[in-house]
Protein backbone atom coordinates (compact mmCIF):
# COMPACT_ATOMS: atom_id res chain seq x y z
CA UNK A 1 103.73 142.57 100.17
CA UNK A 2 101.82 140.21 97.98
CA UNK A 3 100.13 137.48 99.53
CA UNK A 4 100.09 134.33 97.80
CA UNK A 5 97.26 132.64 96.37
CA UNK A 6 96.55 129.38 97.71
CA UNK A 7 95.02 126.24 95.32
CA UNK A 8 92.58 124.54 97.02
CA UNK A 9 91.83 120.43 96.39
CA UNK A 10 89.88 117.82 98.36
CA UNK A 11 90.69 115.14 100.52
CA UNK A 12 89.58 112.94 97.35
CA UNK A 13 91.79 115.00 94.87
CA UNK A 14 94.87 114.62 97.03
CA UNK A 15 94.61 110.90 97.28
CA UNK A 16 94.49 110.56 93.40
CA UNK A 17 97.62 112.94 93.06
CA UNK A 18 99.64 110.90 95.53
CA UNK A 19 98.42 107.73 93.96
CA UNK A 20 100.11 108.94 90.53
CA UNK A 21 102.98 110.02 92.55
CA UNK A 22 103.43 106.81 93.93
CA UNK A 23 103.57 105.49 90.45
CA UNK A 24 106.08 107.93 89.26
CA UNK A 25 108.46 106.86 92.22
CA UNK A 26 108.26 103.32 91.60
CA UNK A 27 108.51 103.51 87.69
CA UNK A 28 110.05 105.23 85.10
CA UNK A 29 107.73 107.05 82.74
CA UNK A 30 104.37 106.52 84.36
CA UNK A 31 102.48 108.58 87.15
CA UNK A 32 103.63 112.01 87.67
CA UNK A 33 105.27 113.98 90.26
CA UNK A 34 103.03 115.67 93.40
CA UNK A 35 103.52 119.40 92.72
CA UNK A 36 101.41 121.11 95.76
CA UNK A 37 103.24 124.03 96.07
CA UNK A 38 100.81 126.93 97.19
CA UNK A 39 97.87 124.44 97.93
CA UNK A 40 95.86 125.04 100.84
CA UNK A 41 96.21 121.60 102.67
CA UNK A 42 95.15 123.01 106.22
CA UNK A 43 93.71 120.11 108.78
CA UNK A 44 94.18 117.16 106.04
CA UNK A 45 94.83 113.67 107.14
CA UNK A 46 98.32 112.45 105.66
CA UNK A 47 99.01 109.88 108.19
CA UNK A 48 101.55 107.43 106.75
CA UNK A 49 101.48 108.93 103.52
CA UNK A 50 104.67 108.82 100.89
CA UNK A 51 105.44 112.40 100.35
CA UNK A 52 109.05 111.51 98.91
CA UNK A 53 110.48 114.56 96.73
CA UNK A 54 106.94 116.51 96.77
CA UNK A 55 107.05 119.96 96.29
CA UNK A 56 105.30 121.55 99.06
CA UNK A 57 107.07 124.95 99.09
CA UNK A 58 104.40 128.04 100.56
CA UNK A 59 101.72 125.32 101.38
CA UNK A 60 99.70 125.92 104.14
CA UNK A 61 99.94 122.68 106.59
CA UNK A 62 98.43 123.95 109.68
CA UNK A 63 96.81 121.39 111.59
CA UNK A 64 97.71 118.62 109.23
CA UNK A 65 98.36 115.34 110.48
CA UNK A 66 101.94 113.65 109.10
CA UNK A 67 102.06 111.23 111.50
CA UNK A 68 104.53 108.40 110.40
CA UNK A 69 104.26 110.12 106.65
CA UNK A 70 107.53 109.98 104.69
CA UNK A 71 108.83 113.45 103.34
CA UNK A 72 112.28 112.36 102.43
CA UNK A 73 113.30 115.07 100.24
CA UNK A 74 110.41 116.91 100.12
CA UNK A 75 110.58 120.98 99.82
CA UNK A 76 108.80 122.59 102.55
CA UNK A 77 110.38 125.87 101.72
CA UNK A 78 107.65 128.68 102.89
CA UNK A 79 105.50 126.45 104.00
CA UNK A 80 102.96 127.23 107.39
CA UNK A 81 103.78 124.08 109.65
CA UNK A 82 101.88 125.61 112.58
CA UNK A 83 100.47 123.35 114.39
CA UNK A 84 101.21 120.26 112.02
CA UNK A 85 101.75 116.98 113.65
CA UNK A 86 104.59 115.66 112.29
CA UNK A 87 105.19 112.85 115.30
CA UNK A 88 107.09 109.81 113.39
CA UNK A 89 107.63 111.78 109.90
CA UNK A 90 110.54 110.92 108.17
CA UNK A 91 112.03 114.39 107.22
CA UNK A 92 115.56 113.13 105.55
CA UNK A 93 117.03 115.92 103.50
CA UNK A 94 113.92 117.72 103.65
CA UNK A 95 114.37 121.45 102.20
CA UNK A 96 112.67 123.86 104.82
C-alpha cells in the first residue's frame, strides 16, 4: 500500500487560507473554501478556529490543538487524530 504524500504549509499560510474560507462562508462569490486534505498539520494551533465545512480528509492532525474550534460539517475521513486536543470542539455533522 502506498503512503499518502502530505502537503506542508506554515501556520501563516494556514491563517491566510482560513481568512479566505471565512469570506466564503459569509458571502456568495467571495473567498474560497479551505481544502486541507492530505496536509501535514501536526502540532498546529487551531484553537477557536472556524473550520466549518473544511476538507481535512487524510490530514495529519497529530498533536494539533482544536480547543473550542468549530468543525461543523468538516470532513475528517482518514485523518490522523492521535493526541489531538478536541476539548470544546463543535463536531456536529462531521464526517469521520
